[in-house]
Amino acid sequence: MTEPPPPPKRPAPVEAQPPVRPEPEPMVPAEPAEGPTTTKRTNSGAGRALIAVYGVFALAATSRAAVQIATRFSEAPLAYLLSAFAALVYIVATFTLGRGTPRARRIALVAVIIELIGVLTVGTLSVVDPVAFPRATVWSIYGIGYGFVPVVLPILGLIWLYRTRPQHCGCRRSPCCWPTNRAPAA
């Protein structure tokens, strides 16, 4: 005869154990959902020298325009108003480059582009039709009165803004992070 199977053994009572907690993840600073992960500020390094030159030109153009408008405005109103406009552009560029925030960068970019267009336009017109500009402006003949710095300065400003542009994180929210070749939807 066969022996009956032994009765099943009951497991030994288990003592209550504390719940297992997962290991905490290391603290890592969260990347912004949108925007740069690495940005070189416009007001650091060589940007400080650029801002200083813009500041000198803001002061020089403002002083020149103020004296011209106050004492000889009737001689060449267009030239003197252009000097005042140049002064305003230099002031805006100086403060926005010095500020360095994303909004200030956009304003600085617009100011520097306007400056470049102004220098090239006024410079070309003052060469082609010197009668239209009986008195020199800051931008006359591409800034000849200032050693051609007015034509070089916006180019340097654009290069600096490009070199310090934000490097994005792959967030897909900004155009620089959008994929260029997605697989077609099935």
N, C-alpha and C. Protein backbone atom coordinates (compact mmCIF):
# COMPACT_ATOMS: atom_id res chain seq x y z
N MET A 1 0.79 -1.15 0.00
CA MET A 1 0.00 0.00 0.00
C MET A 1 0.85 1.25 0.00
N THR A 2 0.29 2.18 -0.52
CA THR A 2 1.06 3.41 -0.59
C THR A 2 0.70 4.28 0.59
N GLU A 3 1.63 5.00 0.98
CA GLU A 3 1.40 5.89 2.11
C GLU A 3 0.69 7.15 1.63
N PRO A 4 -0.19 7.59 2.48
CA PRO A 4 -0.85 8.83 2.08
C PRO A 4 0.16 10.00 2.13
N PRO A 5 -0.06 10.92 1.25
CA PRO A 5 0.90 12.05 1.24
C PRO A 5 0.83 12.81 2.55
N PRO A 6 1.95 13.34 2.96
CA PRO A 6 1.94 14.09 4.22
C PRO A 6 1.11 15.36 4.06
N PRO A 7 0.54 15.81 5.12
CA PRO A 7 -0.25 17.03 5.01
C PRO A 7 0.65 18.21 4.62
N PRO A 8 0.08 19.12 3.85
CA PRO A 8 0.92 20.26 3.42
C PRO A 8 1.40 21.05 4.64
N LYS A 9 2.64 21.47 4.54
CA LYS A 9 3.22 22.24 5.64
C LYS A 9 2.77 23.68 5.52
N ARG A 10 2.44 24.16 6.60
CA ARG A 10 2.09 25.57 6.62
C ARG A 10 3.38 26.39 6.70
N PRO A 11 3.38 27.49 5.94
CA PRO A 11 4.60 28.29 6.04
C PRO A 11 4.72 28.89 7.43
N ALA A 12 5.94 29.05 7.82
CA ALA A 12 6.20 29.63 9.13
C ALA A 12 5.67 31.07 9.13
N PRO A 13 5.15 31.51 10.22
CA PRO A 13 4.65 32.89 10.25
C PRO A 13 5.81 33.86 9.97
N VAL A 14 5.51 34.81 9.13
CA VAL A 14 6.51 35.81 8.74
C VAL A 14 6.31 37.04 9.59
N GLU A 15 7.41 37.49 10.08
CA GLU A 15 7.32 38.71 10.88
C GLU A 15 7.05 39.89 9.96
N ALA A 16 6.34 40.85 10.42
CA ALA A 16 6.01 42.01 9.62
C ALA A 16 7.31 42.77 9.30
N GLN A 17 7.49 43.02 8.02
CA GLN A 17 8.68 43.74 7.58
C GLN A 17 8.26 45.12 7.08
N PRO A 18 9.12 46.10 7.26
CA PRO A 18 8.76 47.43 6.78
C PRO A 18 8.68 47.41 5.25
N PRO A 19 7.81 48.25 4.69
CA PRO A 19 7.68 48.26 3.24
C PRO A 19 9.01 48.69 2.59
N VAL A 20 9.26 48.14 1.44
CA VAL A 20 10.50 48.44 0.73
C VAL A 20 10.30 49.77 0.00
N ARG A 21 11.17 50.69 0.27
CA ARG A 21 11.10 52.00 -0.38
C ARG A 21 12.14 52.05 -1.50
N PRO A 22 11.73 52.60 -2.63
CA PRO A 22 12.70 52.68 -3.72
C PRO A 22 13.80 53.68 -3.37
N GLU A 23 14.96 53.43 -3.95
CA GLU A 23 16.08 54.34 -3.75
C GLU A 23 15.72 55.71 -4.31
N PRO A 24 16.00 56.76 -3.58
CA PRO A 24 15.71 58.09 -4.14
C PRO A 24 16.67 58.38 -5.29
N GLU A 25 16.10 59.03 -6.31
CA GLU A 25 16.93 59.40 -7.45
C GLU A 25 17.81 60.57 -7.06
N PRO A 26 19.01 60.62 -7.63
CA PRO A 26 19.87 61.74 -7.27
C PRO A 26 19.25 63.06 -7.73
N MET A 27 19.53 64.08 -6.95
CA MET A 27 18.99 65.40 -7.27
C MET A 27 19.73 65.97 -8.48
N VAL A 28 19.00 66.17 -9.54
CA VAL A 28 19.57 66.74 -10.76
C VAL A 28 18.74 67.96 -11.09
N PRO A 29 19.37 69.09 -11.35
CA PRO A 29 18.56 70.25 -11.70
C PRO A 29 17.77 69.99 -12.96
N ALA A 30 16.52 70.34 -12.92
CA ALA A 30 15.65 70.12 -14.08
C ALA A 30 16.01 71.09 -15.18
N GLU A 31 16.00 70.60 -16.40
CA GLU A 31 16.23 71.49 -17.54
C GLU A 31 14.95 72.25 -17.82
N PRO A 32 15.08 73.47 -18.28
CA PRO A 32 13.87 74.22 -18.58
C PRO A 32 13.10 73.55 -19.71
N ALA A 33 11.79 73.66 -19.64
CA ALA A 33 10.96 73.05 -20.68
C ALA A 33 11.20 73.73 -22.02
N GLU A 34 11.59 74.97 -21.97
CA GLU A 34 11.81 75.70 -23.19
C GLU A 34 12.97 76.65 -22.96
N GLY A 35 13.81 76.78 -23.94
CA GLY A 35 14.89 77.74 -23.82
C GLY A 35 16.25 77.09 -23.78
N PRO A 36 17.25 77.88 -23.50
CA PRO A 36 18.61 77.39 -23.60
C PRO A 36 19.04 76.56 -22.41
N THR A 37 19.97 75.67 -22.66
CA THR A 37 20.62 74.97 -21.57
C THR A 37 21.99 75.58 -21.34
N THR A 38 22.62 76.04 -22.39
CA THR A 38 23.89 76.74 -22.24
C THR A 38 23.81 78.02 -23.04
N THR A 39 24.06 79.10 -22.36
CA THR A 39 24.01 80.39 -23.02
C THR A 39 25.19 81.21 -22.54
N LYS A 40 25.92 81.76 -23.47
CA LYS A 40 26.96 82.70 -23.12
C LYS A 40 26.31 84.07 -23.16
N ARG A 41 26.39 84.79 -22.07
CA ARG A 41 25.69 86.07 -21.97
C ARG A 41 26.36 87.12 -22.85
N THR A 42 25.54 88.03 -23.34
CA THR A 42 26.05 89.08 -24.22
C THR A 42 26.92 90.07 -23.46
N ASN A 43 26.79 90.12 -22.14
CA ASN A 43 27.55 91.09 -21.36
C ASN A 43 28.75 90.47 -20.65
N SER A 44 29.30 89.40 -21.21
CA SER A 44 30.48 88.78 -20.62
C SER A 44 31.59 88.71 -21.67
N GLY A 45 32.80 88.59 -21.19
CA GLY A 45 33.94 88.45 -22.09
C GLY A 45 34.10 89.64 -23.02
N ALA A 46 34.27 89.34 -24.30
CA ALA A 46 34.45 90.39 -25.31
C ALA A 46 33.21 91.26 -25.43
N GLY A 47 32.07 90.76 -24.99
CA GLY A 47 30.84 91.55 -25.01
C GLY A 47 30.95 92.82 -24.18
N ARG A 48 31.76 92.77 -23.13
CA ARG A 48 31.94 93.97 -22.31
C ARG A 48 32.64 95.07 -23.10
N ALA A 49 33.63 94.70 -23.89
CA ALA A 49 34.32 95.70 -24.72
C ALA A 49 33.36 96.26 -25.76
N LEU A 50 32.55 95.38 -26.35
CA LEU A 50 31.58 95.82 -27.35
C LEU A 50 30.57 96.79 -26.73
N ILE A 51 30.11 96.48 -25.54
CA ILE A 51 29.17 97.35 -24.84
C ILE A 51 29.84 98.69 -24.51
N ALA A 52 31.10 98.65 -24.14
CA ALA A 52 31.82 99.90 -23.84
C ALA A 52 31.92 100.77 -25.09
N VAL A 53 32.22 100.17 -26.24
CA VAL A 53 32.30 100.95 -27.48
C VAL A 53 30.93 101.52 -27.83
N TYR A 54 29.89 100.70 -27.69
CA TYR A 54 28.53 101.20 -27.94
C TYR A 54 28.22 102.36 -26.98
N GLY A 55 28.64 102.24 -25.74
CA GLY A 55 28.39 103.31 -24.77
C GLY A 55 29.10 104.61 -25.16
N VAL A 56 30.34 104.49 -25.63
CA VAL A 56 31.08 105.68 -26.07
C VAL A 56 30.37 106.31 -27.26
N PHE A 57 29.93 105.47 -28.19
CA PHE A 57 29.23 106.01 -29.36
C PHE A 57 27.87 106.59 -28.99
N ALA A 58 27.20 106.01 -28.02
CA ALA A 58 25.93 106.58 -27.56
C ALA A 58 26.16 107.97 -26.98
N LEU A 59 27.19 108.10 -26.17
CA LEU A 59 27.51 109.40 -25.58
C LEU A 59 27.95 110.40 -26.65
N ALA A 60 28.83 109.98 -27.55
CA ALA A 60 29.33 110.88 -28.59
C ALA A 60 28.21 111.33 -29.53
N ALA A 61 27.40 110.38 -29.98
CA ALA A 61 26.33 110.73 -30.93
C ALA A 61 25.26 111.60 -30.26
N THR A 62 24.96 111.29 -29.01
CA THR A 62 23.97 112.10 -28.29
C THR A 62 24.48 113.53 -28.10
N SER A 63 25.72 113.67 -27.70
CA SER A 63 26.30 115.01 -27.51
C SER A 63 26.34 115.77 -28.83
N ARG A 64 26.80 115.09 -29.87
CA ARG A 64 26.90 115.74 -31.18
C ARG A 64 25.52 116.20 -31.66
N ALA A 65 24.54 115.31 -31.58
CA ALA A 65 23.20 115.65 -32.05
C ALA A 65 22.59 116.78 -31.21
N ALA A 66 22.80 116.76 -29.91
CA ALA A 66 22.24 117.81 -29.05
C ALA A 66 22.82 119.17 -29.41
N VAL A 67 24.13 119.22 -29.61
CA VAL A 67 24.76 120.50 -29.96
C VAL A 67 24.30 120.96 -31.34
N GLN A 68 24.28 120.04 -32.30
CA GLN A 68 23.88 120.40 -33.66
C GLN A 68 22.43 120.88 -33.72
N ILE A 69 21.55 120.18 -33.06
CA ILE A 69 20.14 120.56 -33.08
C ILE A 69 19.92 121.87 -32.34
N ALA A 70 20.63 122.08 -31.24
CA ALA A 70 20.44 123.29 -30.45
C ALA A 70 21.03 124.53 -31.11
N THR A 71 22.10 124.37 -31.88
CA THR A 71 22.79 125.56 -32.40
C THR A 71 22.65 125.78 -33.91
N ARG A 72 22.55 124.70 -34.71
CA ARG A 72 22.56 124.88 -36.17
C ARG A 72 21.51 124.04 -36.87
N PHE A 73 20.39 123.83 -36.27
CA PHE A 73 19.39 122.93 -36.85
C PHE A 73 18.93 123.37 -38.24
N SER A 74 18.81 124.66 -38.47
CA SER A 74 18.31 125.15 -39.76
C SER A 74 19.29 124.90 -40.91
N GLU A 75 20.57 124.68 -40.63
CA GLU A 75 21.56 124.45 -41.68
C GLU A 75 21.37 123.10 -42.37
N ALA A 76 21.09 122.06 -41.60
CA ALA A 76 20.95 120.72 -42.16
C ALA A 76 20.07 119.87 -41.25
N PRO A 77 18.75 120.11 -41.28
CA PRO A 77 17.88 119.39 -40.35
C PRO A 77 17.92 117.87 -40.53
N LEU A 78 17.97 117.40 -41.77
CA LEU A 78 17.99 115.94 -42.00
C LEU A 78 19.23 115.31 -41.40
N ALA A 79 20.37 115.90 -41.64
CA ALA A 79 21.62 115.35 -41.12
C ALA A 79 21.62 115.33 -39.60
N TYR A 80 21.13 116.38 -38.98
CA TYR A 80 21.15 116.44 -37.53
C TYR A 80 20.11 115.51 -36.89
N LEU A 81 18.98 115.36 -37.55
CA LEU A 81 18.00 114.39 -37.05
C LEU A 81 18.51 112.96 -37.21
N LEU A 82 19.25 112.70 -38.27
CA LEU A 82 19.85 111.38 -38.43
C LEU A 82 20.89 111.11 -37.36
N SER A 83 21.63 112.13 -36.98
CA SER A 83 22.59 111.97 -35.87
C SER A 83 21.85 111.65 -34.57
N ALA A 84 20.71 112.31 -34.35
CA ALA A 84 19.92 112.03 -33.15
C ALA A 84 19.35 110.61 -33.19
N PHE A 85 18.92 110.18 -34.37
CA PHE A 85 18.42 108.81 -34.51
C PHE A 85 19.53 107.80 -34.25
N ALA A 86 20.72 108.07 -34.79
CA ALA A 86 21.87 107.19 -34.54
C ALA A 86 22.16 107.12 -33.05
N ALA A 87 22.09 108.25 -32.36
CA ALA A 87 22.32 108.26 -30.92
C ALA A 87 21.32 107.38 -30.19
N LEU A 88 20.05 107.47 -30.59
CA LEU A 88 19.02 106.63 -29.98
C LEU A 88 19.29 105.15 -30.21
N VAL A 89 19.69 104.80 -31.42
CA VAL A 89 20.00 103.40 -31.73
C VAL A 89 21.18 102.92 -30.88
N TYR A 90 22.21 103.75 -30.74
CA TYR A 90 23.37 103.37 -29.92
C TYR A 90 22.99 103.21 -28.45
N ILE A 91 22.11 104.07 -27.96
CA ILE A 91 21.67 103.95 -26.56
C ILE A 91 20.91 102.65 -26.34
N VAL A 92 19.98 102.35 -27.24
CA VAL A 92 19.21 101.10 -27.12
C VAL A 92 20.13 99.89 -27.20
N ALA A 93 21.06 99.89 -28.14
CA ALA A 93 21.99 98.76 -28.27
C ALA A 93 22.85 98.61 -27.03
N THR A 94 23.32 99.71 -26.48
CA THR A 94 24.16 99.66 -25.28
C THR A 94 23.42 99.01 -24.12
N PHE A 95 22.23 99.48 -23.84
CA PHE A 95 21.50 98.96 -22.68
C PHE A 95 21.01 97.54 -22.88
N THR A 96 20.57 97.19 -24.09
CA THR A 96 20.05 95.84 -24.29
C THR A 96 21.17 94.80 -24.34
N LEU A 97 22.31 95.16 -24.92
CA LEU A 97 23.45 94.23 -24.89
C LEU A 97 23.94 94.06 -23.46
N GLY A 98 23.92 95.13 -22.69
CA GLY A 98 24.35 95.06 -21.30
C GLY A 98 23.40 94.27 -20.43
N ARG A 99 22.14 94.29 -20.77
CA ARG A 99 21.14 93.56 -19.99
C ARG A 99 21.28 92.06 -20.20
N GLY A 100 21.31 91.63 -21.44
CA GLY A 100 21.58 90.23 -21.75
C GLY A 100 20.44 89.24 -21.57
N THR A 101 19.25 89.68 -21.23
CA THR A 101 18.12 88.75 -21.09
C THR A 101 17.62 88.35 -22.48
N PRO A 102 16.82 87.29 -22.58
CA PRO A 102 16.31 86.89 -23.90
C PRO A 102 15.55 88.01 -24.61
N ARG A 103 14.72 88.74 -23.89
CA ARG A 103 13.98 89.84 -24.52
C ARG A 103 14.93 90.95 -24.95
N ALA A 104 15.90 91.27 -24.08
CA ALA A 104 16.87 92.31 -24.42
C ALA A 104 17.70 91.89 -25.63
N ARG A 105 18.01 90.60 -25.76
CA ARG A 105 18.75 90.11 -26.93
C ARG A 105 17.98 90.39 -28.22
N ARG A 106 16.66 90.14 -28.18
CA ARG A 106 15.85 90.39 -29.37
C ARG A 106 15.83 91.87 -29.72
N ILE A 107 15.69 92.72 -28.71
CA ILE A 107 15.70 94.16 -28.95
C ILE A 107 17.07 94.60 -29.46
N ALA A 108 18.13 94.05 -28.88
CA ALA A 108 19.49 94.39 -29.34
C ALA A 108 19.68 93.98 -30.80
N LEU A 109 19.16 92.82 -31.16
CA LEU A 109 19.28 92.35 -32.54
C LEU A 109 18.59 93.32 -33.50
N VAL A 110 17.40 93.76 -33.14
CA VAL A 110 16.68 94.72 -33.98
C VAL A 110 17.46 96.03 -34.07
N ALA A 111 17.96 96.51 -32.93
CA ALA A 111 18.71 97.77 -32.92
C ALA A 111 19.97 97.68 -33.78
N VAL A 112 20.68 96.59 -33.68
CA VAL A 112 21.93 96.44 -34.44
C VAL A 112 21.63 96.31 -35.93
N ILE A 113 20.56 95.62 -36.28
CA ILE A 113 20.18 95.52 -37.70
C ILE A 113 19.77 96.89 -38.23
N ILE A 114 19.00 97.64 -37.46
CA ILE A 114 18.62 99.01 -37.87
C ILE A 114 19.87 99.86 -38.02
N GLU A 115 20.80 99.70 -37.11
CA GLU A 115 22.06 100.45 -37.19
C GLU A 115 22.81 100.13 -38.48
N LEU A 116 22.92 98.85 -38.80
CA LEU A 116 23.63 98.46 -40.02
C LEU A 116 22.94 99.00 -41.26
N ILE A 117 21.63 98.87 -41.31
CA ILE A 117 20.87 99.41 -42.45
C ILE A 117 21.05 100.93 -42.53
N GLY A 118 21.00 101.60 -41.40
CA GLY A 118 21.18 103.05 -41.37
C GLY A 118 22.55 103.48 -41.86
N VAL A 119 23.60 102.80 -41.37
CA VAL A 119 24.96 103.15 -41.78
C VAL A 119 25.14 102.93 -43.28
N LEU A 120 24.66 101.80 -43.77
CA LEU A 120 24.82 101.51 -45.20
C LEU A 120 24.00 102.47 -46.07
N THR A 121 22.79 102.77 -45.63
CA THR A 121 21.93 103.68 -46.41
C THR A 121 22.48 105.10 -46.40
N VAL A 122 22.71 105.63 -45.20
CA VAL A 122 23.21 107.01 -45.10
C VAL A 122 24.60 107.11 -45.72
N GLY A 123 25.44 106.11 -45.50
CA GLY A 123 26.78 106.13 -46.09
C GLY A 123 26.74 106.15 -47.60
N THR A 124 25.87 105.31 -48.18
CA THR A 124 25.76 105.27 -49.65
C THR A 124 25.17 106.58 -50.18
N LEU A 125 24.12 107.08 -49.55
CA LEU A 125 23.51 108.34 -50.01
C LEU A 125 24.48 109.51 -49.88
N SER A 126 25.28 109.52 -48.83
CA SER A 126 26.22 110.63 -48.66
C SER A 126 27.37 110.57 -49.66
N VAL A 127 27.64 109.39 -50.22
CA VAL A 127 28.65 109.27 -51.26
C VAL A 127 28.04 109.60 -52.62
N VAL A 128 26.85 109.07 -52.89
CA VAL A 128 26.20 109.25 -54.19
C VAL A 128 25.67 110.68 -54.36
N ASP A 129 25.07 111.24 -53.31
CA ASP A 129 24.48 112.58 -53.40
C ASP A 129 24.94 113.42 -52.22
N PRO A 130 26.16 113.93 -52.25
CA PRO A 130 26.68 114.69 -51.11
C PRO A 130 25.91 115.98 -50.84
N VAL A 131 25.19 116.50 -51.83
CA VAL A 131 24.41 117.72 -51.64
C VAL A 131 23.27 117.48 -50.64
N ALA A 132 22.75 116.26 -50.58
CA ALA A 132 21.67 115.94 -49.66
C ALA A 132 22.13 116.01 -48.20
N PHE A 133 23.43 115.88 -47.98
CA PHE A 133 23.98 115.93 -46.63
C PHE A 133 25.04 117.02 -46.56
N PRO A 134 24.60 118.29 -46.46
CA PRO A 134 25.58 119.38 -46.42
C PRO A 134 26.45 119.34 -45.17
N ARG A 135 25.97 118.73 -44.12
CA ARG A 135 26.75 118.56 -42.89
C ARG A 135 26.86 117.08 -42.59
N ALA A 136 27.95 116.71 -41.98
CA ALA A 136 28.20 115.29 -41.70
C ALA A 136 27.30 114.79 -40.56
N THR A 137 26.95 113.54 -40.67
CA THR A 137 26.25 112.84 -39.59
C THR A 137 27.21 111.80 -39.05
N VAL A 138 26.78 111.09 -38.02
CA VAL A 138 27.60 110.02 -37.46
C VAL A 138 27.84 108.95 -38.53
N TRP A 139 26.84 108.73 -39.38
CA TRP A 139 26.92 107.66 -40.37
C TRP A 139 27.35 108.13 -41.76
N SER A 140 27.65 109.41 -41.95
CA SER A 140 28.05 109.92 -43.27
C SER A 140 29.31 109.21 -43.75
N ILE A 141 29.30 108.90 -45.04
CA ILE A 141 30.42 108.19 -45.70
C ILE A 141 30.87 107.01 -44.83
N TYR A 142 29.89 106.26 -44.37
CA TYR A 142 30.11 105.04 -43.58
C TYR A 142 30.85 105.29 -42.28
N GLY A 143 30.70 106.49 -41.73
CA GLY A 143 31.33 106.80 -40.45
C GLY A 143 32.77 107.24 -40.58
N ILE A 144 33.10 107.91 -41.67
CA ILE A 144 34.49 108.34 -41.89
C ILE A 144 34.99 109.25 -40.78
N GLY A 145 34.11 110.07 -40.22
CA GLY A 145 34.51 110.98 -39.14
C GLY A 145 34.86 110.25 -37.85
N TYR A 146 34.48 109.00 -37.75
CA TYR A 146 34.77 108.19 -36.56
C TYR A 146 35.64 106.99 -36.90
N GLY A 147 36.43 107.12 -37.95
CA GLY A 147 37.35 106.03 -38.31
C GLY A 147 36.66 104.78 -38.82
N PHE A 148 35.51 104.93 -39.43
CA PHE A 148 34.72 103.81 -39.98
C PHE A 148 34.24 102.82 -38.92
N VAL A 149 34.37 103.18 -37.67
CA VAL A 149 33.85 102.32 -36.60
C VAL A 149 32.34 102.14 -36.72
N PRO A 150 31.56 103.18 -37.11
CA PRO A 150 30.12 102.97 -37.24
C PRO A 150 29.70 101.90 -38.24
N VAL A 151 30.51 101.60 -39.23
CA VAL A 151 30.14 100.53 -40.17
C VAL A 151 30.63 99.17 -39.67
N VAL A 152 31.68 99.16 -38.89
CA VAL A 152 32.21 97.90 -38.36
C VAL A 152 31.44 97.46 -37.12
N LEU A 153 31.00 98.41 -36.31
CA LEU A 153 30.35 98.10 -35.03
C LEU A 153 29.10 97.23 -35.17
N PRO A 154 28.17 97.52 -36.08
CA PRO A 154 27.01 96.62 -36.16
C PRO A 154 27.37 95.22 -36.66
N ILE A 155 28.39 95.11 -37.48
CA ILE A 155 28.82 93.79 -37.93
C ILE A 155 29.36 93.00 -36.75
N LEU A 156 30.18 93.65 -35.93
CA LEU A 156 30.69 92.99 -34.71
C LEU A 156 29.55 92.66 -33.76
N GLY A 157 28.57 93.56 -33.67
CA GLY A 157 27.41 93.30 -32.81
C GLY A 157 26.62 92.08 -33.26
N LEU A 158 26.42 91.96 -34.56
CA LEU A 158 25.69 90.78 -35.08
C LEU A 158 26.49 89.50 -34.86
N ILE A 159 27.80 89.58 -35.06
CA ILE A 159 28.64 88.40 -34.82
C ILE A 159 28.56 88.00 -33.36
N TRP A 160 28.64 88.99 -32.46
CA TRP A 160 28.58 88.68 -31.03
C TRP A 160 27.22 88.10 -30.64
N LEU A 161 26.16 88.66 -31.16
CA LEU A 161 24.83 88.11 -30.85
C LEU A 161 24.70 86.68 -31.38
N TYR A 162 25.30 86.41 -32.52
CA TYR A 162 25.26 85.05 -33.07
C TYR A 162 26.08 84.10 -32.20
N ARG A 163 27.25 84.53 -31.80
CA ARG A 163 28.14 83.65 -31.02
C ARG A 163 27.59 83.37 -29.63
N THR A 164 26.78 84.27 -29.10
CA THR A 164 26.22 84.08 -27.76
C THR A 164 24.76 83.62 -27.81
N ARG A 165 24.32 83.13 -28.94
CA ARG A 165 22.93 82.71 -29.07
C ARG A 165 22.68 81.49 -28.18
N PRO A 166 21.45 81.30 -27.76
CA PRO A 166 21.13 80.16 -26.90
C PRO A 166 21.32 78.84 -27.63
N GLN A 167 21.84 77.85 -26.91
CA GLN A 167 21.95 76.49 -27.43
C GLN A 167 20.82 75.70 -26.79
N HIS A 168 19.90 75.22 -27.61
CA HIS A 168 18.68 74.62 -27.06
C HIS A 168 18.88 73.17 -26.64
N CYS A 169 17.95 72.68 -25.86
CA CYS A 169 18.07 71.40 -25.18
C CYS A 169 17.41 70.24 -25.90
N GLY A 170 16.84 70.44 -27.05
CA GLY A 170 16.13 69.37 -27.72
C GLY A 170 14.70 69.25 -27.23
N CYS A 171 14.13 70.33 -26.81
CA CYS A 171 12.81 70.31 -26.18
C CYS A 171 11.67 70.16 -27.19
N ARG A 172 11.94 70.34 -28.46
CA ARG A 172 10.95 70.27 -29.54
C ARG A 172 9.93 71.39 -29.49
N ARG A 173 10.11 72.34 -28.61
CA ARG A 173 9.19 73.46 -28.54
C ARG A 173 9.71 74.67 -29.29
N SER A 174 10.99 74.70 -29.52
CA SER A 174 11.56 75.83 -30.26
C SER A 174 12.00 75.32 -31.63
N PRO A 175 11.95 76.17 -32.65
CA PRO A 175 12.23 75.72 -34.02
C PRO A 175 13.57 75.04 -34.19
N CYS A 176 14.58 75.44 -33.41
CA CYS A 176 15.89 74.82 -33.58
C CYS A 176 15.90 73.38 -33.10
N CYS A 177 14.90 72.97 -32.36
CA CYS A 177 14.86 71.61 -31.84
C CYS A 177 13.87 70.72 -32.58
N TRP A 178 13.16 71.26 -33.57
CA TRP A 178 12.20 70.45 -34.29
C TRP A 178 12.93 69.43 -35.16
N PRO A 179 12.44 68.18 -35.20
CA PRO A 179 13.07 67.19 -36.07
C PRO A 179 12.88 67.58 -37.53
N THR A 180 13.89 67.34 -38.34
CA THR A 180 13.81 67.73 -39.74
C THR A 180 13.29 66.61 -40.62
N ASN A 181 13.45 65.37 -40.20
CA ASN A 181 12.98 64.27 -41.04
C ASN A 181 12.25 63.24 -40.18
N ARG A 182 11.00 63.46 -40.01
CA ARG A 182 10.17 62.51 -39.26
C ARG A 182 9.72 61.39 -40.17
N ALA A 183 9.54 60.24 -39.57
CA ALA A 183 9.01 59.11 -40.33
C ALA A 183 7.53 59.37 -40.61
N PRO A 184 7.05 59.04 -41.80
CA PRO A 184 5.63 59.27 -42.08
C PRO A 184 4.75 58.44 -41.17
N ALA A 185 3.62 59.00 -40.82
CA ALA A 185 2.67 58.30 -39.94
C ALA A 185 2.09 57.11 -40.68
N ALA A 186 1.99 55.99 -40.00
CA ALA A 186 1.48 54.77 -40.63
C ALA A 186 -0.02 54.68 -40.55
